[in-house]
Amino acid sequence: MQTFANWDDVPLFDSEAAEAVFWSENRPAVRLMEAAVAGSTESSESVTVTLRFDPRMLARIKRLARMRYLNYQSMVKQWLSERMEQELKER
């Protein structure tokens, strides 16, 4: 599997089949994915928060993050952000 480090390396696809072939052979670099997640935050400042997880739950979260080529902390922040938006829309 090949890794690309720039979103400009993703071609425009003429069909879903061509896109499926591309994604089966290529994946974004970890830093590219982390930058995409970090770039979506509302502010450049952050505050440290401590959460306690059951060790099995944390292992599962880390496994999911690795499958998505993400840092597990970034993925959890993304989940929280998505849920917050969902909650605000339902009001």
Protein backbone atom coordinates (compact mmCIF):
# COMPACT_ATOMS: atom_id res chain seq x y z
CA MET A 1 0.00 0.00 0.00
CA GLN A 2 1.30 3.44 -0.90
CA THR A 3 1.08 6.48 1.36
CA PHE A 4 0.57 10.03 0.11
CA ALA A 5 1.45 13.16 2.07
CA ASN A 6 -0.53 15.79 0.16
CA TRP A 7 -4.26 15.91 -0.63
CA ASP A 8 -3.34 17.21 -4.10
CA ASP A 9 -2.04 13.69 -4.84
CA VAL A 10 -5.62 12.38 -4.80
CA PRO A 11 -6.86 12.43 -8.41
CA LEU A 12 -10.31 13.35 -9.65
CA PHE A 13 -12.15 10.11 -10.32
CA ASP A 14 -14.27 9.41 -13.37
CA SER A 15 -16.12 6.54 -11.68
CA GLU A 16 -16.73 4.93 -8.31
CA ALA A 17 -14.78 1.89 -9.49
CA ALA A 18 -11.69 4.03 -10.19
CA GLU A 19 -12.03 5.63 -6.77
CA ALA A 20 -12.35 2.23 -5.08
CA VAL A 21 -9.18 1.02 -6.80
CA PHE A 22 -7.27 4.13 -5.72
CA TRP A 23 -8.31 3.82 -2.06
CA SER A 24 -7.57 0.10 -1.99
CA GLU A 25 -3.97 0.85 -3.03
CA ASN A 26 -3.32 4.20 -1.29
CA ARG A 27 -3.75 5.78 2.10
CA PRO A 28 -3.05 9.23 3.55
CA ALA A 29 0.02 9.72 5.72
CA VAL A 30 -0.63 9.80 9.46
CA ARG A 31 0.58 13.41 9.71
CA LEU A 32 -1.79 14.43 6.91
CA MET A 33 -4.76 12.91 8.74
CA GLU A 34 -3.74 14.44 12.06
CA ALA A 35 -3.37 17.83 10.41
CA ALA A 36 -6.85 17.48 8.91
CA VAL A 37 -8.33 16.73 12.32
CA ALA A 38 -6.29 19.41 14.09
CA GLY A 39 -7.22 21.96 11.43
CA SER A 40 -10.91 21.48 12.13
CA THR A 41 -10.71 22.69 15.74
CA GLU A 42 -12.38 25.96 16.59
CA SER A 43 -9.36 27.57 18.22
CA SER A 44 -5.62 27.12 18.27
CA GLU A 45 -5.53 27.05 22.06
CA SER A 46 -6.23 23.90 23.99
CA VAL A 47 -6.77 22.93 27.59
CA THR A 48 -5.57 19.67 29.09
CA VAL A 49 -8.34 17.45 30.45
CA THR A 50 -7.91 14.16 32.26
CA LEU A 51 -10.38 11.33 31.62
CA ARG A 52 -10.31 7.91 33.20
CA PHE A 53 -11.14 4.97 30.93
CA ASP A 54 -11.48 1.30 31.60
CA PRO A 55 -8.28 -0.24 30.14
CA ARG A 56 -10.26 -2.46 27.77
CA MET A 57 -12.24 0.49 26.47
CA LEU A 58 -9.06 2.50 25.89
CA ALA A 59 -7.50 -0.44 24.04
CA ARG A 60 -10.55 -0.63 21.78
CA ILE A 61 -10.45 3.12 21.13
CA LYS A 62 -6.76 2.93 20.23
CA ARG A 63 -7.40 -0.01 17.91
CA LEU A 64 -10.17 1.92 16.11
CA ALA A 65 -7.90 4.95 15.77
CA ARG A 66 -5.07 2.87 14.29
CA MET A 67 -7.50 1.40 11.75
CA ARG A 68 -8.33 4.98 10.70
CA TYR A 69 -4.67 6.12 10.75
CA LEU A 70 -5.46 8.65 13.48
CA ASN A 71 -4.06 9.53 16.86
CA TYR A 72 -6.57 8.15 19.37
CA GLN A 73 -6.79 11.47 21.24
CA SER A 74 -7.59 13.32 18.01
CA MET A 75 -10.25 10.76 17.18
CA VAL A 76 -11.90 11.14 20.61
CA LYS A 77 -11.88 14.94 20.18
CA GLN A 78 -13.49 14.50 16.77
CA TRP A 79 -16.17 12.24 18.27
CA LEU A 80 -16.90 14.76 21.02
CA SER A 81 -17.08 17.60 18.53
CA GLU A 82 -19.48 15.67 16.27
CA ARG A 83 -21.71 14.73 19.19
CA MET A 84 -21.74 18.31 20.49
CA GLU A 85 -22.86 19.55 17.07
CA GLN A 86 -25.57 16.89 16.99
CA GLU A 87 -26.82 17.88 20.44
CA LEU A 88 -26.90 21.56 19.52
CA LYS A 89 -28.88 20.87 16.33
CA GLU A 90 -31.50 18.90 18.26
CA ARG A 91 -32.30 21.86 20.55
